[in-house]
Protein backbone atom coordinates (compact mmCIF):
# COMPACT_ATOMS: atom_id res chain seq x y z
CA MET A 1 12.99 10.78 27.49
CA SER A 2 10.16 8.96 29.27
CA LYS A 3 10.37 5.21 29.77
CA LEU A 4 8.70 3.33 26.92
CA ILE A 5 5.86 0.85 27.38
CA THR A 6 4.19 -1.43 24.84
CA ALA A 7 1.05 -0.34 23.02
CA SER A 8 -0.82 -3.30 24.53
CA ARG A 9 -0.15 -1.84 27.99
CA TYR A 10 -0.90 1.73 26.92
CA CYS A 11 -4.16 0.93 25.09
CA GLY A 12 -7.31 -0.79 26.19
CA SER A 13 -6.88 -3.14 23.24
CA VAL A 14 -4.95 -3.47 19.98
CA PHE A 15 -6.64 -5.40 17.18
CA ASP A 16 -6.97 -5.51 13.41
CA GLY A 17 -9.70 -5.72 10.78
CA THR A 18 -10.80 -8.65 8.69
CA HIS A 19 -8.35 -10.45 6.40
CA ASP A 20 -11.15 -11.74 4.18
CA THR A 21 -12.32 -10.02 1.01
CA PRO A 22 -16.11 -9.51 1.15
CA LYS A 23 -17.87 -9.16 -2.19
CA PRO A 24 -18.82 -5.63 -3.30
CA VAL A 25 -22.52 -4.74 -3.38
CA LYS A 26 -24.39 -1.71 -4.73
CA GLN A 27 -25.92 -0.79 -1.38
CA GLY A 28 -24.60 -1.60 2.07
CA LYS A 29 -21.80 -0.50 4.37
CA LEU A 30 -18.38 0.92 3.50
CA LEU A 31 -15.28 -1.28 3.71
CA ILE A 32 -12.13 0.70 4.57
CA THR A 33 -8.60 -0.58 3.88
CA SER A 34 -5.08 0.74 4.49
CA LYS A 35 -5.02 2.59 1.18
CA HIS A 36 -7.83 4.89 2.35
CA ILE A 37 -5.67 6.39 5.13
CA SER A 38 -3.28 9.17 4.12
CA GLY A 39 -1.89 12.29 5.77
CA GLY A 40 -4.00 11.90 8.90
CA THR A 41 -7.25 11.76 6.91
CA LEU A 42 -9.65 9.05 5.80
CA ASP A 43 -10.61 9.28 2.12
CA VAL A 44 -13.59 6.99 1.44
CA SER A 45 -14.19 8.14 -2.15
CA THR A 46 -12.68 4.92 -3.59
CA ALA A 47 -14.06 2.53 -0.93
CA TYR A 48 -16.67 -0.02 -1.94
CA MET A 49 -19.82 -1.27 -0.23
CA ILE A 50 -20.26 -4.66 1.44
CA SER A 51 -23.44 -6.44 2.51
CA GLU A 52 -25.05 -5.90 5.90
CA GLU A 53 -24.27 -9.56 6.73
CA ASP A 54 -20.54 -9.19 5.97
CA TYR A 55 -20.48 -5.89 7.86
CA ALA A 56 -22.05 -7.47 10.96
CA SER A 57 -19.57 -10.37 10.82
CA ILE A 58 -16.56 -8.02 10.71
CA GLN A 59 -17.95 -5.83 13.48
CA LYS A 60 -18.11 -8.77 15.89
CA ARG A 61 -14.31 -8.76 16.21
CA SER A 62 -13.18 -5.47 14.68
CA ALA A 63 -15.66 -2.71 15.50
CA VAL A 64 -14.08 0.77 15.53
CA SER A 65 -15.11 3.20 18.30
CA ARG A 66 -14.66 6.90 18.93
CA TRP A 67 -11.04 7.86 19.78
CA ASP A 68 -9.66 4.72 18.17
CA ILE A 69 -6.55 5.19 16.01
CA LEU A 70 -6.57 3.45 12.63
CA PHE A 71 -3.13 2.31 11.45
CA SER A 72 -2.27 1.16 7.92
CA MET A 73 -0.62 -2.25 8.26
CA ILE A 74 0.13 -3.00 4.62
CA GLY A 75 1.40 -1.01 1.64
CA SER A 76 2.05 2.53 2.92
CA VAL A 77 2.63 1.25 6.45
CA GLY A 78 2.33 3.75 9.29
CA GLU A 79 -0.38 6.08 8.02
CA VAL A 80 -2.71 6.91 10.91
CA TYR A 81 -6.18 8.35 11.37
CA LEU A 82 -7.85 9.39 14.65
CA GLU A 83 -11.56 8.62 14.63
CA LYS A 84 -13.37 11.47 16.39
CA ASN A 85 -16.94 10.58 15.40
CA GLU A 86 -19.36 8.67 17.62
CA LYS A 87 -21.14 6.94 14.73
CA ILE A 88 -18.77 4.81 12.62
CA PRO A 89 -20.27 4.03 9.19
CA TYR A 90 -17.62 1.54 8.02
CA ALA A 91 -15.91 -1.80 8.61
CA ILE A 92 -12.16 -2.31 8.30
CA LYS A 93 -9.85 -4.69 6.41
CA ASN A 94 -6.06 -5.01 6.91
CA ILE A 95 -6.06 -2.04 9.29
CA GLY A 96 -4.67 -2.07 12.81
CA VAL A 97 -6.54 -0.32 15.61
CA PHE A 98 -5.11 1.21 18.77
CA SER A 99 -8.13 1.53 21.08
CA CYS A 100 -7.17 3.95 23.86
CA GLU A 101 -10.65 4.46 25.34
CA SER A 102 -9.57 7.97 26.36
CA GLU A 103 -9.56 11.15 24.30
CA ASN A 104 -6.33 12.56 25.77
CA LYS A 105 -4.42 9.29 25.56
CA ALA A 106 -5.65 8.78 21.99
CA LYS A 107 -4.57 12.24 20.85
CA TRP A 108 -1.11 11.81 22.36
CA LEU A 109 -0.63 8.37 20.72
CA TYR A 110 -1.90 9.73 17.39
CA TYR A 111 0.81 12.39 17.30
CA TYR A 112 3.44 10.05 18.70
CA LEU A 113 2.77 7.55 15.90
CA ARG A 114 3.46 10.35 13.39
CA SER A 115 6.78 11.27 15.00
CA PRO A 116 10.20 10.40 13.48
CA SER A 117 10.98 8.02 16.37
CA ALA A 118 7.82 6.02 15.72
CA LYS A 119 8.46 6.05 11.96
CA SER A 120 12.00 4.81 12.60
CA HIS A 121 10.66 1.89 14.64
CA ILE A 122 8.20 1.02 11.86
CA ASN A 123 10.97 0.96 9.25
CA ARG A 124 13.11 -1.37 11.40
CA TYR A 125 10.37 -3.94 11.80
CA LEU A 126 8.73 -4.00 8.39
CA ASN A 127 8.21 -7.48 6.97
CA GLY A 128 7.43 -8.67 3.46
CA ALA A 129 9.69 -8.67 0.43
CA VAL A 130 7.17 -7.56 -2.20
CA GLN A 131 4.55 -5.68 -0.21
CA LYS A 132 5.55 -4.28 3.15
CA PHE A 133 3.38 -5.04 6.17
CA LEU A 134 3.48 -4.83 9.96
CA PRO A 135 1.86 -7.81 11.75
CA LEU A 136 -0.56 -7.44 14.64
CA GLY A 137 2.00 -8.73 17.12
CA ALA A 138 4.37 -5.91 16.20
CA LEU A 139 1.57 -3.36 16.77
CA ARG A 140 0.87 -4.77 20.23
CA ASP A 141 4.59 -4.60 21.08
CA PHE A 142 4.99 -1.10 19.62
CA PRO A 143 7.04 1.06 22.04
CA VAL A 144 5.05 4.06 23.26
CA ILE A 145 5.94 7.07 25.42
CA PRO A 146 3.27 7.15 28.15
CA PHE A 147 0.84 10.05 28.46
CA ASP A 148 1.05 12.54 31.35
CA ASP A 149 -0.15 16.09 32.10
CA GLN A 150 2.86 17.66 30.38
CA LYS A 151 2.04 15.78 27.19
CA ALA A 152 -1.42 17.38 27.17
CA SER A 153 0.17 20.81 26.62
CA LEU A 154 2.21 19.49 23.68
CA VAL A 155 -0.87 17.94 22.12
CA LYS A 156 -2.70 21.27 22.41
CA VAL A 157 -0.06 23.05 20.30
CA LEU A 158 -0.26 20.41 17.57
CA GLU A 159 -4.06 20.41 17.72
CA ILE A 160 -4.19 24.15 17.06
CA LEU A 161 -2.19 23.69 13.86
CA ASP A 162 -4.33 20.75 12.76
CA ALA A 163 -7.52 22.66 13.55
CA LYS A 164 -6.43 25.48 11.24
CA ILE A 165 -5.59 22.99 8.49
CA GLU A 166 -9.00 21.35 8.90
CA CYS A 167 -10.71 24.75 8.86
CA ASN A 168 -8.94 25.64 5.61
CA ASN A 169 -10.04 22.33 4.12
CA CYS A 170 -13.67 23.04 5.06
CA ILE A 171 -13.47 26.50 3.47
CA ASN A 172 -11.98 24.99 0.32
CA THR A 173 -14.77 22.42 0.14
CA GLU A 174 -17.36 25.21 0.20
CA LEU A 175 -15.42 27.34 -2.32
CA GLU A 176 -15.11 24.42 -4.71
CA GLU A 177 -18.84 23.70 -4.46
CA MET A 178 -19.48 27.35 -5.28
CA GLY A 179 -17.20 27.07 -8.31
CA LYS A 180 -18.90 23.89 -9.55
CA THR A 181 -22.35 25.41 -9.02
CA LEU A 182 -21.36 28.53 -10.94
CA TYR A 183 -20.08 26.41 -13.84
CA ASP A 184 -23.24 24.30 -13.83
CA TYR A 185 -25.47 27.37 -13.78
CA TRP A 186 -23.67 28.95 -16.75
CA PHE A 187 -22.68 26.01 -18.97
CA VAL A 188 -25.05 23.17 -18.13
CA GLN A 189 -28.32 24.94 -17.33
CA PHE A 190 -27.36 27.87 -19.65
CA ASP A 191 -28.73 30.39 -17.17
CA PHE A 192 -25.80 32.78 -17.33
CA PRO A 193 -26.83 36.48 -17.10
CA ASP A 194 -28.18 37.84 -20.39
CA ALA A 195 -27.82 41.45 -21.57
CA ASN A 196 -30.43 42.50 -19.00
CA GLY A 197 -28.86 40.52 -16.17
CA LYS A 198 -31.58 37.85 -16.27
CA PRO A 199 -31.02 34.05 -16.55
CA TYR A 200 -30.52 33.41 -20.28
CA LYS A 201 -32.43 30.19 -20.90
CA SER A 202 -35.09 30.69 -18.22
CA SER A 203 -35.83 34.17 -19.64
CA GLY A 204 -36.41 32.86 -23.15
CA GLY A 205 -32.91 33.25 -24.62
CA LYS A 206 -32.61 31.75 -28.10
CA MET A 207 -31.55 28.10 -28.07
CA VAL A 208 -30.39 26.10 -31.12
CA TYR A 209 -30.28 22.31 -31.43
CA ASN A 210 -26.75 20.91 -31.88
CA PRO A 211 -26.89 17.46 -33.53
CA THR A 212 -23.39 16.51 -32.35
CA LEU A 213 -24.11 17.31 -28.72
CA LYS A 214 -27.69 16.07 -29.17
CA LYS A 215 -29.13 18.97 -27.20
CA GLU A 216 -29.99 22.63 -27.50
CA ILE A 217 -27.30 25.21 -26.74
CA PRO A 218 -27.43 29.02 -26.74
CA ALA A 219 -27.39 30.66 -30.17
CA GLY A 220 -23.87 31.59 -31.22
CA TRP A 221 -22.27 28.79 -29.21
CA ARG A 222 -20.66 25.74 -30.80
CA HIS A 223 -19.20 22.36 -29.97
CA SER A 224 -15.60 21.19 -29.97
CA THR A 225 -13.45 18.51 -28.30
CA ILE A 226 -10.75 18.60 -25.64
CA GLY A 227 -8.13 17.59 -28.21
CA GLU A 228 -9.15 20.36 -30.64
CA THR A 229 -9.36 23.10 -28.02
CA PHE A 230 -6.38 22.33 -25.77
CA LYS A 231 -2.85 20.97 -25.81
CA THR A 232 -2.88 17.68 -23.89
CA HIS A 233 0.15 15.74 -22.72
CA LEU A 234 0.65 12.21 -21.37
CA GLY A 235 3.48 11.96 -18.86
CA GLY A 236 6.33 9.49 -18.50
CA THR A 237 8.85 8.06 -16.03
CA PRO A 238 12.62 8.44 -16.42
CA SER A 239 14.55 5.18 -16.09
CA ARG A 240 15.08 4.32 -12.42
CA GLU A 241 18.30 2.54 -13.40
CA LYS A 242 19.98 5.83 -14.33
CA LYS A 243 20.79 7.82 -11.18
CA GLU A 244 21.60 10.89 -13.27
CA TYR A 245 17.91 11.04 -14.28
CA TRP A 246 16.93 11.53 -10.62
CA THR A 247 19.89 13.42 -9.20
CA PRO A 248 20.18 16.35 -8.79
CA SER A 249 16.53 16.94 -7.85
CA GLU A 250 15.63 19.80 -10.19
CA VAL A 251 12.15 19.22 -11.63
CA ASN A 252 8.88 18.63 -9.75
CA TRP A 253 7.41 15.25 -10.73
CA LEU A 254 4.12 13.55 -9.85
CA SER A 255 4.02 9.77 -9.66
CA SER A 256 0.23 9.71 -9.70
CA GLY A 257 -2.66 12.01 -10.47
CA GLU A 258 -4.72 10.56 -7.61
CA ASN A 259 -4.21 13.68 -5.55
CA PRO A 260 -6.94 14.22 -2.93
CA SER A 261 -6.60 18.02 -3.13
CA THR A 262 -8.04 20.36 -5.74
CA PHE A 263 -4.62 21.98 -6.19
CA VAL A 264 -1.29 20.15 -6.22
CA VAL A 265 1.17 22.35 -4.32
CA GLU A 266 3.90 19.80 -3.59
CA PRO A 267 5.51 17.13 -5.84
CA ASP A 268 5.67 13.41 -5.04
CA GLU A 269 9.31 13.32 -6.17
CA ARG A 270 11.79 15.37 -8.17
CA ILE A 271 13.76 14.35 -11.25
CA SER A 272 16.78 15.93 -12.94
CA ASN A 273 16.66 18.07 -16.06
CA LEU A 274 18.47 15.22 -17.82
CA GLY A 275 15.70 12.82 -16.74
CA LEU A 276 13.10 15.20 -18.13
CA GLN A 277 14.93 15.41 -21.46
CA ASN A 278 15.29 11.62 -21.76
CA SER A 279 11.73 10.53 -21.02
CA PRO A 280 8.23 11.21 -22.37
CA ALA A 281 7.62 13.43 -19.33
CA LYS A 282 6.93 17.09 -20.11
CA LEU A 283 7.12 20.05 -17.75
CA LEU A 284 3.56 21.35 -17.41
CA PRO A 285 2.91 24.96 -16.38
CA GLU A 286 1.07 26.04 -13.24
CA GLY A 287 -2.67 26.08 -13.91
CA THR A 288 -2.62 22.87 -15.98
CA VAL A 289 -5.53 20.57 -15.13
CA ILE A 290 -4.35 16.97 -14.66
CA LEU A 291 -6.38 13.78 -14.80
CA SER A 292 -5.32 10.41 -13.43
CA ILE A 293 -6.33 7.90 -16.11
CA VAL A 294 -5.69 4.69 -14.14
CA ARG A 295 -8.04 3.09 -11.59
CA HIS A 296 -10.18 5.77 -9.93
CA LEU A 297 -10.05 8.80 -12.23
CA ARG A 298 -9.39 12.04 -10.39
CA ALA A 299 -8.86 15.62 -11.55
CA SER A 300 -6.60 18.23 -9.94
CA ILE A 301 -5.01 21.56 -10.85
CA LEU A 302 -1.28 22.19 -10.79
CA GLY A 303 -0.40 24.91 -8.30
CA ILE A 304 3.25 24.40 -9.27
CA GLU A 305 5.17 23.57 -12.43
CA ALA A 306 5.48 19.79 -12.63
CA ALA A 307 5.99 16.81 -14.89
CA THR A 308 3.96 13.62 -14.39
CA ASN A 309 4.21 9.90 -14.97
CA GLN A 310 2.37 7.96 -17.68
CA SER A 311 -0.80 7.52 -15.62
CA VAL A 312 -1.57 11.24 -15.86
CA VAL A 313 -2.76 13.46 -18.72
CA GLY A 314 -2.32 17.23 -18.49
CA ILE A 315 -4.74 19.69 -20.12
CA VAL A 316 -2.91 22.98 -20.57
CA GLU A 317 -4.81 26.27 -20.21
CA SER A 318 -5.33 28.37 -23.33
CA SER A 319 -5.53 32.16 -23.55
CA ALA A 320 -9.33 31.95 -23.34
CA PHE A 321 -10.02 28.79 -21.34
CA LYS A 322 -8.56 28.82 -17.84
CA HIS A 323 -8.45 26.10 -15.20
CA CYS A 324 -11.56 27.54 -13.52
CA PHE A 325 -13.46 26.37 -16.63
CA ILE A 326 -11.54 23.16 -17.44
CA TYR A 327 -11.56 21.70 -13.92
CA PRO A 328 -15.33 21.76 -13.21
CA TYR A 329 -15.97 20.55 -16.77
CA LEU A 330 -13.65 17.58 -16.23
CA VAL A 331 -15.10 16.75 -12.80
CA ARG A 332 -18.52 16.46 -14.45
CA GLU A 333 -17.06 14.17 -17.15
CA ILE A 334 -15.41 11.70 -14.75
CA PRO A 335 -18.50 9.48 -14.10
CA ARG A 336 -18.91 9.02 -17.88
CA LEU A 337 -15.19 8.36 -18.37
CA MET A 338 -15.18 5.79 -15.55
CA VAL A 339 -17.59 3.67 -17.59
CA LEU A 340 -15.21 3.79 -20.57
CA ARG A 341 -12.25 2.30 -18.68
CA THR A 342 -10.74 -0.93 -19.99
CA GLY A 343 -8.39 -3.49 -18.45
CA ALA A 344 -9.16 -6.00 -15.71
CA GLN A 345 -6.21 -5.54 -13.34
CA GLN A 346 -5.67 -1.80 -13.92
CA PRO A 347 -8.83 -0.22 -15.31
CA HIS A 348 -7.87 2.85 -17.33
CA ILE A 349 -8.67 5.14 -20.22
CA ASN A 350 -6.15 6.29 -22.80
CA LYS A 351 -5.33 9.84 -23.78
CA GLY A 352 -7.33 9.51 -27.00
CA VAL A 353 -10.56 8.96 -25.06
CA LEU A 354 -9.98 12.21 -23.19
CA ASP A 355 -9.08 14.10 -26.39
CA GLU A 356 -12.41 13.05 -27.93
CA CYS A 357 -14.54 14.42 -25.07
CA LEU A 358 -17.12 16.85 -26.45
CA LEU A 359 -17.12 20.40 -25.17
CA VAL A 360 -19.63 23.25 -25.34
CA VAL A 361 -17.78 26.38 -26.48
CA PRO A 362 -19.47 29.63 -25.35
CA ASP A 363 -19.08 33.00 -27.03
CA GLU A 364 -16.08 35.08 -26.04
CA SER A 365 -17.89 37.66 -23.90
CA THR A 366 -19.73 35.02 -21.85
CA LEU A 367 -16.52 33.10 -21.24
CA GLU A 368 -14.71 36.27 -20.13
CA ALA A 369 -17.54 37.19 -17.76
CA TYR A 370 -17.51 33.69 -16.23
CA THR A 371 -13.73 33.70 -15.80
CA SER A 372 -13.84 37.07 -14.01
CA LEU A 373 -16.21 35.52 -11.43
CA ALA A 374 -14.74 32.02 -11.13
CA ALA A 375 -11.00 32.76 -11.20
CA PRO A 376 -10.95 34.53 -7.78
CA LEU A 377 -12.74 31.53 -6.19
CA PHE A 378 -10.10 29.13 -7.46
CA LEU A 379 -7.30 31.49 -6.46
CA GLN A 380 -8.59 31.41 -2.88
CA ILE A 381 -8.67 27.60 -2.97
CA LYS A 382 -5.06 27.54 -4.17
CA ASN A 383 -3.97 29.99 -1.46
CA TYR A 384 -5.55 27.87 1.29
CA HIS A 385 -3.83 24.75 -0.07
CA GLN A 386 -0.49 26.56 -0.01
CA GLN A 387 -1.16 27.78 3.53
CA ASN A 388 -1.94 24.22 4.59
CA ARG A 389 1.36 23.07 3.10
CA GLU A 390 3.22 25.63 5.21
CA LEU A 391 1.25 24.74 8.35
CA THR A 392 1.92 21.04 7.78
CA GLN A 393 5.64 21.71 7.40
CA LEU A 394 5.60 23.74 10.63
CA ARG A 395 3.73 20.99 12.51
CA ASP A 396 6.07 18.27 11.22
CA TRP A 397 9.10 20.42 12.15
CA LEU A 398 7.79 20.96 15.69
CA LEU A 399 6.65 17.37 16.25
CA PRO A 400 10.03 15.70 16.90
CA MET A 401 11.28 18.60 19.03
CA LEU A 402 8.17 18.47 21.19
CA MET A 403 8.50 14.71 21.51
CA ASN A 404 12.14 14.68 22.62
CA GLY A 405 11.91 17.76 24.87
CA GLN A 406 13.94 20.16 22.71
CA VAL A 407 10.96 22.50 22.79
CA THR A 408 8.71 22.90 25.80
CA VAL A 409 5.31 24.52 26.26
CA ALA A 410 4.94 27.02 29.08
């Protein structure tokens, strides 16, 4: 094992973001916090905007540069993100930054910070009784294995795995956009292929005004609601005080629906069958579309059987309506549902609001034709998510062995 040095010696500088709370504005610059870093990625979908003045003030002491490593200092401490872009469109709050000023040194430190030895150090030095945090001084004193030419070969192996994961994510983004566009074309614009293969509405297909939906829909179609068309289930949490509800680990369980992926292919935790039987949680089948109903609403599709907690509602597929129809429908509904949230500290909707969502119900032949086109797209998305799970497991298995010299690269 190489001799350890402190991060302040390894890096050009180690600093953190603002500790103030700038006011949100409608237009401005993004403010990133620790909660936006997860699994080596930066998810800005829930970040808010701050004014140009506040942004400039933060940048004076905490400007992020290319090849800087962002480190979550509070909450889920130890999540890291390597900034590879030259233009940085955000300011940071309660985030530590390891500024290496070198691509190779940055990449090595990024992987080292994700290693079990680094995680072990983080766990030993966490402060805070209620909410865990790592102070700036601890980041500057963080023990680091120095970079050398041999480390460059190790980084290359890990980079290849990460590059494949990133490539799969890019493919999935394009496939999902295709799926959403297909849904929009058929069920929003009503330009599905008619009997002659021409766009229905644009080619003069008969439209009928629906007073409930307050718009015209194709003749023979009708309206319904989520609650009338599907079985929906609100999850629950087994008592944490009863160990037998959590051990043995038998049933996949999601603690939140705020999953950044289209498909959920791995549980947050597992509960016992006894825990499932003694809580409101219900085992939902693969293909169920889930919606987080607390804070930032987010839809996903179960790629595994799983139960959920009480912040998630599951919409179970029917024989006619599959997840390739339900998911894009729900994604389109989220902006409207966000406005209907109540509660100051934890904005949310209840299950009843979701059950009352209006739905355009197409005729059977149109729905079957759509499903035959859309289902293969979503199957590909699921397969790439599962592949990424396997690649991530391989990378995380290799990481400690590469770090401690159990495995070498020729």
